[in-house]
Amino acid sequence: MNIVSNKKITADIKPFFSSAVEFSQYIETKANVEHATVLETLVTFIEEYEIEPEKIKNFISDSLKNKLKMEYIDLGMLRQEKTLTDFFEG
């Protein structure tokens, strides 16, 4: 896994991470080590390296998207989707 230097990433994160999986693993591991949410870690990364959010959207894996979605639901910023099981239990 690539280690991001303290230099600002001004153009693109592609030279630092070769894939969405690699970038997402970096964010998830950093969140775990720092006892932070992946949302907090992602926002911190974007701010620290002065990256436009649009530049990283292709580097967010499905796994990280799901974790972000669950955090948004926990924060009440996103509604949880109903499933067929919920329909029969409710």
N, C-alpha and C. Protein backbone atom coordinates (compact mmCIF):
# COMPACT_ATOMS: atom_id res chain seq x y z
N MET A 1 0.85 -1.18 0.00
CA MET A 1 0.00 0.00 0.00
C MET A 1 0.89 1.24 0.00
N ASN A 2 0.56 2.19 -0.81
CA ASN A 2 1.33 3.43 -0.89
C ASN A 2 1.14 4.26 0.38
N ILE A 3 2.20 4.92 0.76
CA ILE A 3 2.14 5.86 1.87
C ILE A 3 2.09 7.25 1.26
N VAL A 4 1.13 8.01 1.70
CA VAL A 4 0.97 9.37 1.17
C VAL A 4 1.94 10.27 1.92
N SER A 5 2.70 11.05 1.17
CA SER A 5 3.65 11.96 1.79
C SER A 5 2.93 13.18 2.35
N ASN A 6 3.65 14.02 3.02
CA ASN A 6 3.07 15.24 3.59
C ASN A 6 2.87 16.32 2.54
N LYS A 7 3.31 16.09 1.33
CA LYS A 7 3.13 17.08 0.27
C LYS A 7 1.67 17.15 -0.13
N LYS A 8 1.26 18.29 -0.56
CA LYS A 8 -0.12 18.46 -1.02
C LYS A 8 -0.31 17.77 -2.36
N ILE A 9 -1.43 17.09 -2.49
CA ILE A 9 -1.79 16.45 -3.75
C ILE A 9 -2.68 17.46 -4.47
N THR A 10 -2.14 18.08 -5.49
CA THR A 10 -2.90 19.18 -6.10
C THR A 10 -3.67 18.78 -7.35
N ALA A 11 -3.21 17.81 -8.08
CA ALA A 11 -3.87 17.51 -9.34
C ALA A 11 -4.75 16.28 -9.26
N ASP A 12 -4.16 15.15 -8.98
CA ASP A 12 -4.88 13.90 -9.06
C ASP A 12 -4.29 12.93 -8.05
N ILE A 13 -5.09 12.03 -7.52
CA ILE A 13 -4.55 11.08 -6.55
C ILE A 13 -4.06 9.80 -7.24
N LYS A 14 -4.21 9.71 -8.54
CA LYS A 14 -3.82 8.50 -9.27
C LYS A 14 -2.36 8.10 -9.04
N PRO A 15 -1.40 9.03 -8.99
CA PRO A 15 -0.01 8.61 -8.75
C PRO A 15 0.21 7.98 -7.37
N PHE A 16 -0.66 8.26 -6.42
CA PHE A 16 -0.49 7.77 -5.07
C PHE A 16 -1.22 6.46 -4.81
N PHE A 17 -2.32 6.24 -5.50
CA PHE A 17 -3.11 5.02 -5.33
C PHE A 17 -3.42 4.46 -6.71
N SER A 18 -3.14 3.18 -6.89
CA SER A 18 -3.33 2.59 -8.21
C SER A 18 -4.74 2.11 -8.47
N SER A 19 -5.56 2.01 -7.41
CA SER A 19 -6.92 1.51 -7.62
C SER A 19 -7.85 2.02 -6.53
N ALA A 20 -9.14 1.86 -6.77
CA ALA A 20 -10.15 2.24 -5.78
C ALA A 20 -10.00 1.38 -4.53
N VAL A 21 -9.68 0.13 -4.71
CA VAL A 21 -9.51 -0.77 -3.56
C VAL A 21 -8.35 -0.30 -2.69
N GLU A 22 -7.25 0.07 -3.30
CA GLU A 22 -6.08 0.52 -2.55
C GLU A 22 -6.39 1.81 -1.78
N PHE A 23 -7.03 2.77 -2.42
CA PHE A 23 -7.39 4.02 -1.76
C PHE A 23 -8.38 3.76 -0.62
N SER A 24 -9.38 2.96 -0.88
CA SER A 24 -10.39 2.67 0.13
C SER A 24 -9.79 1.94 1.33
N GLN A 25 -8.88 1.01 1.07
CA GLN A 25 -8.20 0.32 2.17
C GLN A 25 -7.38 1.30 3.00
N TYR A 26 -6.74 2.23 2.34
CA TYR A 26 -5.97 3.25 3.05
C TYR A 26 -6.89 4.05 3.98
N ILE A 27 -8.04 4.51 3.48
CA ILE A 27 -8.97 5.30 4.28
C ILE A 27 -9.52 4.47 5.43
N GLU A 28 -9.93 3.23 5.15
CA GLU A 28 -10.49 2.37 6.20
C GLU A 28 -9.46 2.05 7.28
N THR A 29 -8.23 1.75 6.88
CA THR A 29 -7.17 1.45 7.85
C THR A 29 -6.85 2.67 8.70
N LYS A 30 -6.74 3.82 8.05
CA LYS A 30 -6.45 5.07 8.78
C LYS A 30 -7.57 5.38 9.76
N ALA A 31 -8.81 5.17 9.37
CA ALA A 31 -9.95 5.40 10.26
C ALA A 31 -9.88 4.47 11.46
N ASN A 32 -9.54 3.23 11.21
CA ASN A 32 -9.43 2.25 12.29
C ASN A 32 -8.34 2.61 13.28
N VAL A 33 -7.17 2.97 12.77
CA VAL A 33 -6.02 3.33 13.61
C VAL A 33 -6.32 4.58 14.45
N GLU A 34 -6.99 5.55 13.84
CA GLU A 34 -7.27 6.82 14.52
C GLU A 34 -8.59 6.81 15.29
N HIS A 35 -9.27 5.67 15.31
CA HIS A 35 -10.57 5.54 16.00
C HIS A 35 -11.54 6.63 15.53
N ALA A 36 -11.60 6.77 14.22
CA ALA A 36 -12.48 7.76 13.61
C ALA A 36 -13.41 7.04 12.64
N THR A 37 -14.42 7.73 12.18
CA THR A 37 -15.29 7.15 11.17
C THR A 37 -14.61 7.28 9.81
N VAL A 38 -15.06 6.46 8.86
CA VAL A 38 -14.48 6.59 7.51
C VAL A 38 -14.87 7.93 6.90
N LEU A 39 -16.04 8.44 7.26
CA LEU A 39 -16.47 9.76 6.77
C LEU A 39 -15.52 10.85 7.27
N GLU A 40 -15.22 10.84 8.57
CA GLU A 40 -14.29 11.83 9.12
C GLU A 40 -12.91 11.71 8.48
N THR A 41 -12.47 10.48 8.30
CA THR A 41 -11.14 10.25 7.71
C THR A 41 -11.09 10.70 6.27
N LEU A 42 -12.14 10.43 5.52
CA LEU A 42 -12.19 10.85 4.12
C LEU A 42 -12.20 12.37 4.00
N VAL A 43 -13.00 13.03 4.82
CA VAL A 43 -13.07 14.50 4.80
C VAL A 43 -11.71 15.08 5.20
N THR A 44 -11.08 14.52 6.21
CA THR A 44 -9.76 14.98 6.64
C THR A 44 -8.74 14.83 5.52
N PHE A 45 -8.78 13.68 4.83
CA PHE A 45 -7.87 13.44 3.72
C PHE A 45 -8.06 14.49 2.63
N ILE A 46 -9.31 14.75 2.28
CA ILE A 46 -9.63 15.73 1.23
C ILE A 46 -9.13 17.12 1.62
N GLU A 47 -9.35 17.49 2.87
CA GLU A 47 -8.92 18.82 3.33
C GLU A 47 -7.41 18.90 3.47
N GLU A 48 -6.79 17.88 4.04
CA GLU A 48 -5.35 17.89 4.28
C GLU A 48 -4.55 17.98 2.99
N TYR A 49 -4.99 17.27 1.97
CA TYR A 49 -4.27 17.25 0.71
C TYR A 49 -4.88 18.17 -0.35
N GLU A 50 -5.85 18.97 0.08
CA GLU A 50 -6.47 19.97 -0.79
C GLU A 50 -6.92 19.39 -2.12
N ILE A 51 -7.70 18.32 -2.02
CA ILE A 51 -8.21 17.63 -3.20
C ILE A 51 -9.66 18.01 -3.41
N GLU A 52 -10.03 18.23 -4.64
CA GLU A 52 -11.43 18.46 -4.96
C GLU A 52 -12.16 17.13 -4.79
N PRO A 53 -13.30 17.11 -4.10
CA PRO A 53 -14.03 15.85 -3.90
C PRO A 53 -14.32 15.10 -5.19
N GLU A 54 -14.53 15.81 -6.28
CA GLU A 54 -14.80 15.16 -7.56
C GLU A 54 -13.63 14.30 -8.03
N LYS A 55 -12.42 14.64 -7.58
CA LYS A 55 -11.22 13.92 -8.02
C LYS A 55 -11.13 12.52 -7.41
N ILE A 56 -11.82 12.30 -6.29
CA ILE A 56 -11.69 11.00 -5.63
C ILE A 56 -12.89 10.08 -5.84
N LYS A 57 -13.94 10.56 -6.47
CA LYS A 57 -15.15 9.74 -6.57
C LYS A 57 -14.90 8.40 -7.25
N ASN A 58 -13.99 8.33 -8.18
CA ASN A 58 -13.69 7.06 -8.84
C ASN A 58 -12.76 6.17 -8.03
N PHE A 59 -12.25 6.70 -6.92
CA PHE A 59 -11.36 5.93 -6.05
C PHE A 59 -12.05 5.42 -4.80
N ILE A 60 -13.36 5.49 -4.77
CA ILE A 60 -14.11 4.99 -3.61
C ILE A 60 -14.74 3.66 -4.01
N SER A 61 -14.29 2.61 -3.37
CA SER A 61 -14.77 1.26 -3.69
C SER A 61 -16.20 1.06 -3.20
N ASP A 62 -16.83 0.00 -3.67
CA ASP A 62 -18.19 -0.32 -3.22
C ASP A 62 -18.23 -0.56 -1.71
N SER A 63 -17.20 -1.20 -1.19
CA SER A 63 -17.13 -1.45 0.25
C SER A 63 -17.12 -0.14 1.04
N LEU A 64 -16.30 0.81 0.59
CA LEU A 64 -16.23 2.10 1.27
C LEU A 64 -17.54 2.87 1.10
N LYS A 65 -18.15 2.79 -0.07
CA LYS A 65 -19.45 3.44 -0.29
C LYS A 65 -20.48 2.90 0.69
N ASN A 66 -20.49 1.59 0.90
CA ASN A 66 -21.44 0.99 1.83
C ASN A 66 -21.18 1.45 3.26
N LYS A 67 -19.92 1.55 3.65
CA LYS A 67 -19.59 2.02 5.00
C LYS A 67 -19.99 3.49 5.17
N LEU A 68 -19.74 4.29 4.15
CA LEU A 68 -20.16 5.69 4.20
C LEU A 68 -21.67 5.80 4.29
N LYS A 69 -22.38 4.98 3.54
CA LYS A 69 -23.83 4.98 3.56
C LYS A 69 -24.35 4.64 4.96
N MET A 70 -23.77 3.62 5.58
CA MET A 70 -24.20 3.23 6.93
C MET A 70 -23.91 4.34 7.94
N GLU A 71 -22.80 5.03 7.79
CA GLU A 71 -22.50 6.14 8.69
C GLU A 71 -23.49 7.28 8.50
N TYR A 72 -23.85 7.57 7.25
CA TYR A 72 -24.86 8.60 6.98
C TYR A 72 -26.21 8.21 7.58
N ILE A 73 -26.57 6.95 7.49
CA ILE A 73 -27.82 6.48 8.09
C ILE A 73 -27.77 6.63 9.60
N ASP A 74 -26.65 6.24 10.21
CA ASP A 74 -26.48 6.36 11.67
C ASP A 74 -26.56 7.81 12.13
N LEU A 75 -26.09 8.73 11.29
CA LEU A 75 -26.13 10.16 11.62
C LEU A 75 -27.49 10.79 11.33
N GLY A 76 -28.38 10.01 10.73
CA GLY A 76 -29.71 10.52 10.39
C GLY A 76 -29.71 11.41 9.16
N MET A 77 -28.66 11.33 8.36
CA MET A 77 -28.55 12.17 7.17
C MET A 77 -29.06 11.45 5.92
N LEU A 78 -29.41 10.17 6.08
CA LEU A 78 -29.86 9.36 4.97
C LEU A 78 -30.85 8.35 5.53
N ARG A 79 -31.92 8.13 4.81
CA ARG A 79 -32.91 7.14 5.24
C ARG A 79 -32.44 5.74 4.91
N GLN A 80 -32.74 4.83 5.82
CA GLN A 80 -32.42 3.43 5.56
C GLN A 80 -33.46 2.86 4.61
N GLU A 81 -32.98 2.12 3.65
CA GLU A 81 -33.88 1.53 2.66
C GLU A 81 -34.64 0.35 3.27
N LYS A 82 -35.88 0.25 2.93
CA LYS A 82 -36.69 -0.88 3.38
C LYS A 82 -36.38 -2.09 2.52
N THR A 83 -36.38 -3.26 3.16
CA THR A 83 -36.19 -4.50 2.44
C THR A 83 -37.48 -5.29 2.45
N LEU A 84 -37.54 -6.33 1.71
CA LEU A 84 -38.74 -7.17 1.67
C LEU A 84 -39.01 -7.76 3.05
N THR A 85 -37.95 -8.11 3.80
CA THR A 85 -38.11 -8.64 5.15
C THR A 85 -38.76 -7.60 6.06
N ASP A 86 -38.32 -6.32 5.93
CA ASP A 86 -38.91 -5.25 6.71
C ASP A 86 -40.39 -5.12 6.44
N PHE A 87 -40.80 -5.33 5.18
CA PHE A 87 -42.20 -5.20 4.79
C PHE A 87 -43.06 -6.24 5.53
N PHE A 88 -42.57 -7.48 5.62
CA PHE A 88 -43.35 -8.52 6.26
C PHE A 88 -43.29 -8.46 7.77
N GLU A 89 -42.23 -7.89 8.34
CA GLU A 89 -42.12 -7.77 9.80
C GLU A 89 -42.86 -6.55 10.32
N GLY A 90 -43.01 -5.52 9.52
CA GLY A 90 -43.60 -4.27 9.97
C GLY A 90 -45.04 -4.27 9.87
